[in-house]
Amino acid sequence: MKKSILLVPALLLGIAACTPTEQGAAFGGASGAAIGALASGNKVEGAIIGGAIGTVAGALVGRASENRNRCIYRDEYGRRYEARCPRGY
């Protein structure tokens, strides 16, 4: 029990140095594996599939948060485009 109490802060400190994409992938993979193991009849297979899906989804969500100093605008035709944000935004 003592080892697991010490392990959690060490893992959290280790992931703190990662980029948002890597953090999202790690969190998504861990949650997907846990959900897959709980929801599936075959715990190992469910954890593997859930972990893979969660990793990809988490990486995509994390990657979206890395795009700083960029804003999304709409032109006169309703099309969306990305450009630099105004100063101070």
N, C-alpha and C. Protein backbone atom coordinates (compact mmCIF):
# COMPACT_ATOMS: atom_id res chain seq x y z
N MET A 1 0.82 -1.19 0.00
CA MET A 1 0.00 0.00 0.00
C MET A 1 0.86 1.26 0.00
N LYS A 2 1.93 1.23 0.78
CA LYS A 2 2.81 2.41 0.85
C LYS A 2 3.46 2.68 -0.50
N LYS A 3 3.81 1.60 -1.21
CA LYS A 3 4.45 1.78 -2.51
C LYS A 3 3.50 2.45 -3.50
N SER A 4 2.23 2.05 -3.47
CA SER A 4 1.29 2.65 -4.41
C SER A 4 1.01 4.11 -4.07
N ILE A 5 1.05 4.45 -2.80
CA ILE A 5 0.86 5.85 -2.39
C ILE A 5 2.02 6.70 -2.89
N LEU A 6 3.21 6.17 -2.91
CA LEU A 6 4.37 6.91 -3.40
C LEU A 6 4.45 6.89 -4.92
N LEU A 7 3.86 5.88 -5.54
CA LEU A 7 3.94 5.75 -6.99
C LEU A 7 3.09 6.80 -7.71
N VAL A 8 1.92 7.11 -7.19
CA VAL A 8 1.02 8.05 -7.85
C VAL A 8 1.65 9.44 -7.99
N PRO A 9 2.20 10.04 -6.93
CA PRO A 9 2.84 11.36 -7.12
C PRO A 9 4.03 11.31 -8.08
N ALA A 10 4.77 10.22 -8.06
CA ALA A 10 5.91 10.10 -8.98
C ALA A 10 5.44 10.07 -10.43
N LEU A 11 4.35 9.37 -10.70
CA LEU A 11 3.81 9.34 -12.06
C LEU A 11 3.27 10.71 -12.47
N LEU A 12 2.61 11.39 -11.55
CA LEU A 12 2.08 12.71 -11.86
C LEU A 12 3.20 13.72 -12.12
N LEU A 13 4.27 13.63 -11.36
CA LEU A 13 5.41 14.52 -11.60
C LEU A 13 6.08 14.21 -12.93
N GLY A 14 6.13 12.94 -13.28
CA GLY A 14 6.73 12.54 -14.55
C GLY A 14 5.96 13.06 -15.74
N ILE A 15 4.66 13.06 -15.65
CA ILE A 15 3.85 13.51 -16.78
C ILE A 15 3.75 15.03 -16.84
N ALA A 16 4.10 15.71 -15.77
CA ALA A 16 4.03 17.18 -15.74
C ALA A 16 4.99 17.81 -16.74
N ALA A 17 6.06 17.12 -17.08
CA ALA A 17 7.05 17.66 -18.01
C ALA A 17 6.68 17.39 -19.47
N CYS A 18 5.58 16.70 -19.71
CA CYS A 18 5.18 16.35 -21.07
C CYS A 18 4.38 17.49 -21.72
N THR A 19 4.30 17.43 -23.04
CA THR A 19 3.48 18.40 -23.78
C THR A 19 2.01 18.07 -23.56
N PRO A 20 1.11 19.01 -23.87
CA PRO A 20 -0.32 18.70 -23.73
C PRO A 20 -0.76 17.50 -24.56
N THR A 21 -0.16 17.29 -25.73
CA THR A 21 -0.50 16.13 -26.54
C THR A 21 -0.12 14.85 -25.83
N GLU A 22 1.08 14.82 -25.26
CA GLU A 22 1.52 13.62 -24.55
C GLU A 22 0.71 13.39 -23.28
N GLN A 23 0.36 14.47 -22.59
CA GLN A 23 -0.46 14.33 -21.39
C GLN A 23 -1.84 13.80 -21.74
N GLY A 24 -2.42 14.31 -22.81
CA GLY A 24 -3.74 13.84 -23.25
C GLY A 24 -3.70 12.39 -23.66
N ALA A 25 -2.62 11.99 -24.35
CA ALA A 25 -2.49 10.59 -24.76
C ALA A 25 -2.36 9.68 -23.55
N ALA A 26 -1.58 10.09 -22.56
CA ALA A 26 -1.40 9.26 -21.37
C ALA A 26 -2.70 9.14 -20.58
N PHE A 27 -3.38 10.26 -20.38
CA PHE A 27 -4.63 10.23 -19.63
C PHE A 27 -5.70 9.45 -20.39
N GLY A 28 -5.79 9.69 -21.69
CA GLY A 28 -6.78 8.97 -22.51
C GLY A 28 -6.51 7.48 -22.55
N GLY A 29 -5.24 7.11 -22.66
CA GLY A 29 -4.89 5.69 -22.68
C GLY A 29 -5.22 5.00 -21.38
N ALA A 30 -4.89 5.65 -20.27
CA ALA A 30 -5.17 5.06 -18.95
C ALA A 30 -6.67 4.94 -18.72
N SER A 31 -7.42 6.01 -19.03
CA SER A 31 -8.87 5.94 -18.82
C SER A 31 -9.52 4.95 -19.78
N GLY A 32 -9.07 4.94 -21.03
CA GLY A 32 -9.63 3.99 -22.00
C GLY A 32 -9.37 2.55 -21.61
N ALA A 33 -8.18 2.28 -21.09
CA ALA A 33 -7.86 0.92 -20.65
C ALA A 33 -8.73 0.52 -19.46
N ALA A 34 -8.92 1.43 -18.53
CA ALA A 34 -9.76 1.12 -17.36
C ALA A 34 -11.21 0.88 -17.77
N ILE A 35 -11.74 1.74 -18.62
CA ILE A 35 -13.12 1.58 -19.07
C ILE A 35 -13.27 0.32 -19.91
N GLY A 36 -12.30 0.06 -20.80
CA GLY A 36 -12.35 -1.14 -21.62
C GLY A 36 -12.31 -2.41 -20.80
N ALA A 37 -11.50 -2.43 -19.76
CA ALA A 37 -11.41 -3.62 -18.91
C ALA A 37 -12.71 -3.83 -18.14
N LEU A 38 -13.33 -2.75 -17.70
CA LEU A 38 -14.58 -2.87 -16.94
C LEU A 38 -15.76 -3.24 -17.83
N ALA A 39 -15.79 -2.72 -19.04
CA ALA A 39 -16.94 -2.91 -19.92
C ALA A 39 -16.90 -4.21 -20.72
N SER A 40 -15.74 -4.81 -20.84
CA SER A 40 -15.58 -5.99 -21.69
C SER A 40 -15.63 -7.27 -20.88
N GLY A 41 -16.07 -8.34 -21.53
CA GLY A 41 -16.04 -9.65 -20.88
C GLY A 41 -14.61 -10.16 -20.74
N ASN A 42 -13.78 -9.89 -21.72
CA ASN A 42 -12.37 -10.27 -21.69
C ASN A 42 -11.59 -9.03 -21.24
N LYS A 43 -11.17 -9.02 -19.99
CA LYS A 43 -10.57 -7.81 -19.41
C LYS A 43 -9.29 -7.38 -20.13
N VAL A 44 -8.46 -8.33 -20.52
CA VAL A 44 -7.19 -7.98 -21.17
C VAL A 44 -7.44 -7.37 -22.54
N GLU A 45 -8.27 -8.05 -23.32
CA GLU A 45 -8.57 -7.54 -24.66
C GLU A 45 -9.28 -6.19 -24.59
N GLY A 46 -10.22 -6.04 -23.67
CA GLY A 46 -10.93 -4.77 -23.50
C GLY A 46 -9.99 -3.65 -23.09
N ALA A 47 -9.04 -3.97 -22.22
CA ALA A 47 -8.07 -2.96 -21.78
C ALA A 47 -7.17 -2.54 -22.93
N ILE A 48 -6.76 -3.48 -23.76
CA ILE A 48 -5.88 -3.16 -24.89
C ILE A 48 -6.61 -2.29 -25.90
N ILE A 49 -7.83 -2.69 -26.27
CA ILE A 49 -8.59 -1.93 -27.25
C ILE A 49 -8.98 -0.56 -26.69
N GLY A 50 -9.46 -0.53 -25.46
CA GLY A 50 -9.83 0.74 -24.83
C GLY A 50 -8.65 1.66 -24.67
N GLY A 51 -7.49 1.10 -24.32
CA GLY A 51 -6.29 1.90 -24.17
C GLY A 51 -5.84 2.51 -25.49
N ALA A 52 -5.93 1.72 -26.56
CA ALA A 52 -5.53 2.23 -27.88
C ALA A 52 -6.46 3.35 -28.34
N ILE A 53 -7.76 3.13 -28.19
CA ILE A 53 -8.72 4.16 -28.60
C ILE A 53 -8.57 5.41 -27.72
N GLY A 54 -8.41 5.21 -26.43
CA GLY A 54 -8.24 6.34 -25.51
C GLY A 54 -6.98 7.13 -25.78
N THR A 55 -5.90 6.43 -26.15
CA THR A 55 -4.64 7.11 -26.45
C THR A 55 -4.78 8.03 -27.66
N VAL A 56 -5.40 7.51 -28.71
CA VAL A 56 -5.59 8.32 -29.92
C VAL A 56 -6.50 9.51 -29.63
N ALA A 57 -7.61 9.25 -28.95
CA ALA A 57 -8.54 10.35 -28.64
C ALA A 57 -7.89 11.39 -27.73
N GLY A 58 -7.16 10.94 -26.73
CA GLY A 58 -6.50 11.87 -25.82
C GLY A 58 -5.43 12.70 -26.51
N ALA A 59 -4.71 12.08 -27.43
CA ALA A 59 -3.68 12.81 -28.17
C ALA A 59 -4.30 13.88 -29.06
N LEU A 60 -5.43 13.56 -29.68
CA LEU A 60 -6.10 14.55 -30.53
C LEU A 60 -6.62 15.73 -29.71
N VAL A 61 -7.19 15.43 -28.56
CA VAL A 61 -7.68 16.51 -27.69
C VAL A 61 -6.52 17.35 -27.17
N GLY A 62 -5.43 16.70 -26.76
CA GLY A 62 -4.26 17.43 -26.28
C GLY A 62 -3.62 18.27 -27.36
N ARG A 63 -3.61 17.76 -28.58
CA ARG A 63 -3.01 18.50 -29.69
C ARG A 63 -3.80 19.77 -29.99
N ALA A 64 -5.11 19.70 -29.84
CA ALA A 64 -5.95 20.87 -30.12
C ALA A 64 -5.64 22.01 -29.15
N SER A 65 -5.20 21.67 -27.95
CA SER A 65 -4.93 22.72 -26.96
C SER A 65 -3.55 23.34 -27.14
N GLU A 66 -2.72 22.80 -27.99
CA GLU A 66 -1.37 23.34 -28.20
C GLU A 66 -1.32 24.49 -29.19
N ASN A 67 -2.37 24.71 -29.92
CA ASN A 67 -2.38 25.71 -30.98
C ASN A 67 -2.63 27.09 -30.38
N ARG A 68 -1.61 27.69 -29.83
CA ARG A 68 -1.76 28.98 -29.16
C ARG A 68 -1.50 30.12 -30.13
N ASN A 69 -2.00 31.28 -29.76
CA ASN A 69 -1.86 32.49 -30.56
C ASN A 69 -2.50 32.35 -31.94
N ARG A 70 -3.44 31.45 -32.06
CA ARG A 70 -4.17 31.27 -33.30
C ARG A 70 -5.66 31.36 -32.98
N CYS A 71 -6.38 32.08 -33.78
CA CYS A 71 -7.82 32.22 -33.60
C CYS A 71 -8.53 31.69 -34.84
N ILE A 72 -9.77 31.31 -34.66
CA ILE A 72 -10.57 30.82 -35.78
C ILE A 72 -11.58 31.91 -36.13
N TYR A 73 -11.60 32.28 -37.39
CA TYR A 73 -12.48 33.33 -37.88
C TYR A 73 -13.41 32.76 -38.94
N ARG A 74 -14.45 33.51 -39.28
CA ARG A 74 -15.33 33.16 -40.40
C ARG A 74 -15.27 34.30 -41.42
N ASP A 75 -15.16 33.91 -42.68
CA ASP A 75 -15.16 34.94 -43.72
C ASP A 75 -16.60 35.28 -44.11
N GLU A 76 -16.75 36.14 -45.10
CA GLU A 76 -18.09 36.61 -45.49
C GLU A 76 -18.97 35.51 -46.07
N TYR A 77 -18.36 34.38 -46.45
CA TYR A 77 -19.13 33.26 -47.00
C TYR A 77 -19.41 32.18 -45.96
N GLY A 78 -19.00 32.43 -44.72
CA GLY A 78 -19.25 31.47 -43.65
C GLY A 78 -18.18 30.41 -43.49
N ARG A 79 -17.12 30.49 -44.29
CA ARG A 79 -16.04 29.51 -44.18
C ARG A 79 -15.15 29.86 -43.01
N ARG A 80 -14.70 28.84 -42.32
CA ARG A 80 -13.82 29.05 -41.17
C ARG A 80 -12.37 29.03 -41.63
N TYR A 81 -11.57 29.90 -41.03
CA TYR A 81 -10.13 29.89 -41.29
C TYR A 81 -9.40 30.27 -40.02
N GLU A 82 -8.14 29.92 -39.99
CA GLU A 82 -7.31 30.15 -38.81
C GLU A 82 -6.26 31.20 -39.13
N ALA A 83 -6.06 32.12 -38.21
CA ALA A 83 -5.05 33.16 -38.37
C ALA A 83 -4.57 33.59 -36.99
N ARG A 84 -3.53 34.42 -36.98
CA ARG A 84 -3.03 34.92 -35.70
C ARG A 84 -4.10 35.73 -34.99
N CYS A 85 -4.09 35.62 -33.68
CA CYS A 85 -5.02 36.40 -32.87
C CYS A 85 -4.53 37.84 -32.78
N PRO A 86 -5.43 38.79 -32.54
CA PRO A 86 -5.01 40.18 -32.35
C PRO A 86 -4.14 40.31 -31.10
N ARG A 87 -3.33 41.34 -31.05
CA ARG A 87 -2.48 41.55 -29.87
C ARG A 87 -3.32 41.67 -28.61
N GLY A 88 -2.80 41.10 -27.55
CA GLY A 88 -3.47 41.20 -26.26
C GLY A 88 -4.65 40.26 -26.10
N TYR A 89 -4.85 39.37 -27.05
CA TYR A 89 -5.98 38.45 -26.96
C TYR A 89 -5.55 37.14 -26.37
